[in-house]
Amino acid sequence: MSVKYGPNELLNTILSGSRDKSVRLWDVRSDQQIQVFNGHADQVFAVEYSPFVIKNSIGNSNVICSGSMDNTIRFWDIRSNKNELYMIKGLHRENYGIICLKFIVLKKKDNTKNVKYDLNLCYCSGKGSIFIWG
């Protein structure tokens, strides 16, 4: 239902979202699946490499996110054995799920300290509404 080619250090990877409710990470060079992320209750229409990096016991790890018809956005750590990091529920179930995701940088708010920019996640519902989280 959705694919994204990896940025920068994940350049040789492809992220996919599927009707079988899974998110998968693929290695382009070997044509092999690297990881499967399960947790959505419905088909996955949107996948995105996030700009977030987390520190864990095995070093730095990239974060991916996925949006589903189950009306959730889920964040996953690609190195920690398929662990879900966080989940956002869409505002209205009657909006027919999450069908696209995009991280955007907006102008810094005046009251934000020690931050050069504000990072927001935009998502679109199946009904056509657009939401900004951040």
Protein backbone atom coordinates (compact mmCIF):
# COMPACT_ATOMS: atom_id res chain seq x y z
CA MET A 1 0.00 0.00 0.00
CA SER A 2 3.01 2.29 0.61
CA VAL A 3 6.77 2.30 0.05
CA LYS A 4 9.58 4.73 0.91
CA TYR A 5 13.22 4.61 -0.10
CA GLY A 6 15.64 5.17 2.78
CA PRO A 7 17.44 8.47 3.36
CA ASN A 8 21.12 9.05 4.20
CA GLU A 9 22.50 6.22 6.37
CA LEU A 10 19.50 4.04 5.44
CA LEU A 11 20.09 4.63 1.74
CA ASN A 12 19.93 0.98 0.72
CA THR A 13 16.66 0.21 2.45
CA ILE A 14 13.01 0.31 1.50
CA LEU A 15 10.18 0.60 3.98
CA SER A 16 6.79 -0.87 3.07
CA GLY A 17 3.27 -0.88 4.50
CA SER A 18 0.91 -3.69 3.58
CA ARG A 19 -2.65 -4.97 3.53
CA ASP A 20 -1.55 -7.74 5.89
CA LYS A 21 -1.24 -5.06 8.66
CA SER A 22 2.57 -5.23 8.71
CA VAL A 23 5.39 -2.77 8.19
CA ARG A 24 8.53 -4.23 6.64
CA LEU A 25 12.10 -3.02 6.19
CA TRP A 26 13.97 -4.38 3.15
CA ASP A 27 17.63 -4.40 2.08
CA VAL A 28 17.90 -3.32 -1.57
CA ARG A 29 21.36 -4.85 -2.09
CA SER A 30 20.47 -8.36 -0.92
CA ASP A 31 16.77 -8.34 -1.89
CA GLN A 32 16.08 -9.58 1.65
CA GLN A 33 13.62 -8.54 4.31
CA ILE A 34 15.46 -7.11 7.34
CA GLN A 35 12.64 -6.64 9.82
CA VAL A 36 8.86 -7.03 10.23
CA PHE A 37 6.88 -4.76 12.54
CA ASN A 38 3.46 -5.99 13.67
CA GLY A 39 0.91 -4.19 15.82
CA HIS A 40 -1.59 -2.50 13.53
CA ALA A 41 -5.15 -3.87 13.53
CA ASP A 42 -5.83 -2.95 9.88
CA GLN A 43 -3.97 -2.38 6.61
CA VAL A 44 -1.01 0.03 6.61
CA PHE A 45 -1.45 2.84 4.08
CA ALA A 46 1.49 5.07 5.05
CA VAL A 47 5.13 4.58 6.06
CA GLU A 48 7.79 7.19 6.73
CA TYR A 49 11.39 7.35 7.88
CA SER A 50 11.35 9.74 10.81
CA PRO A 51 14.07 12.27 11.60
CA PHE A 52 14.30 10.88 15.15
CA VAL A 53 17.24 8.84 16.38
CA ILE A 54 17.19 7.17 19.78
CA LYS A 55 20.04 5.92 21.94
CA ASN A 56 19.79 2.41 23.31
CA SER A 57 22.05 -0.39 24.55
CA ILE A 58 23.26 -1.23 21.03
CA GLY A 59 24.00 2.37 20.03
CA ASN A 60 22.01 4.87 18.02
CA SER A 61 18.92 3.61 16.25
CA ASN A 62 16.67 5.14 13.62
CA VAL A 63 12.93 5.43 14.05
CA ILE A 64 10.26 4.74 11.44
CA CYS A 65 6.54 5.41 11.61
CA SER A 66 3.45 3.93 10.03
CA GLY A 67 -0.17 4.98 9.58
CA SER A 68 -3.04 2.55 9.28
CA MET A 69 -6.73 2.23 8.62
CA ASP A 70 -6.95 1.31 12.33
CA ASN A 71 -6.65 5.09 12.87
CA THR A 72 -3.25 4.93 14.57
CA ILE A 73 0.25 6.17 13.83
CA ARG A 74 2.93 3.97 15.34
CA PHE A 75 6.63 4.68 15.84
CA TRP A 76 9.11 1.79 15.66
CA ASP A 77 12.78 1.37 16.62
CA ILE A 78 14.38 -0.42 13.67
CA ARG A 79 17.14 -2.03 15.74
CA SER A 80 15.45 -3.15 18.94
CA ASN A 81 13.78 -6.33 17.77
CA LYS A 82 10.57 -4.84 16.40
CA ASN A 83 9.61 -2.84 19.50
CA GLU A 84 6.86 -0.26 19.16
CA LEU A 85 8.03 3.00 20.73
CA TYR A 86 4.90 5.12 20.69
CA MET A 87 1.38 5.27 19.30
CA ILE A 88 -0.81 8.23 18.33
CA LYS A 89 -4.54 7.70 17.86
CA GLY A 90 -6.19 9.71 15.10
CA LEU A 91 -8.69 12.31 16.26
CA HIS A 92 -11.85 10.83 14.80
CA ARG A 93 -12.49 7.16 13.94
CA GLU A 94 -15.10 8.23 11.37
CA ASN A 95 -12.28 9.82 9.33
CA TYR A 96 -11.49 6.35 7.90
CA GLY A 97 -7.97 5.87 9.17
CA ILE A 98 -4.56 7.36 8.39
CA ILE A 99 -3.64 7.26 4.70
CA CYS A 100 -0.52 9.45 4.47
CA LEU A 101 2.24 10.85 6.71
CA LYS A 102 4.85 13.57 6.28
CA PHE A 103 7.31 15.21 8.67
CA ILE A 104 7.58 18.96 8.11
CA VAL A 105 9.66 21.72 9.64
CA LEU A 106 7.69 24.81 10.59
CA LYS A 107 8.99 28.17 11.67
CA LYS A 108 10.16 28.26 15.28
CA LYS A 109 7.59 29.43 17.79
CA ASP A 110 8.62 32.44 19.88
CA ASN A 111 8.21 30.63 23.21
CA THR A 112 10.30 27.56 22.20
CA LYS A 113 13.65 27.58 23.99
CA ASN A 114 16.88 25.97 22.74
CA VAL A 115 15.23 24.74 19.54
CA LYS A 116 16.09 26.08 16.11
CA TYR A 117 12.98 24.70 14.43
CA ASP A 118 9.70 22.97 15.22
CA LEU A 119 9.24 19.52 13.74
CA ASN A 120 5.67 18.44 13.10
CA LEU A 121 4.01 15.34 11.75
CA CYS A 122 1.22 15.94 9.25
CA TYR A 123 -1.22 13.19 8.47
CA CYS A 124 -4.24 12.83 6.27
CA SER A 125 -7.38 10.84 6.95
CA GLY A 126 -9.29 8.72 4.48
CA LYS A 127 -12.07 11.28 4.59
CA GLY A 128 -9.70 14.01 3.40
CA SER A 129 -9.00 15.92 6.61
CA ILE A 130 -5.41 16.99 7.28
CA PHE A 131 -4.03 17.11 10.82
CA ILE A 132 -0.77 18.44 12.27
CA TRP A 133 0.72 16.79 15.36
CA GLY A 134 3.64 18.39 17.10
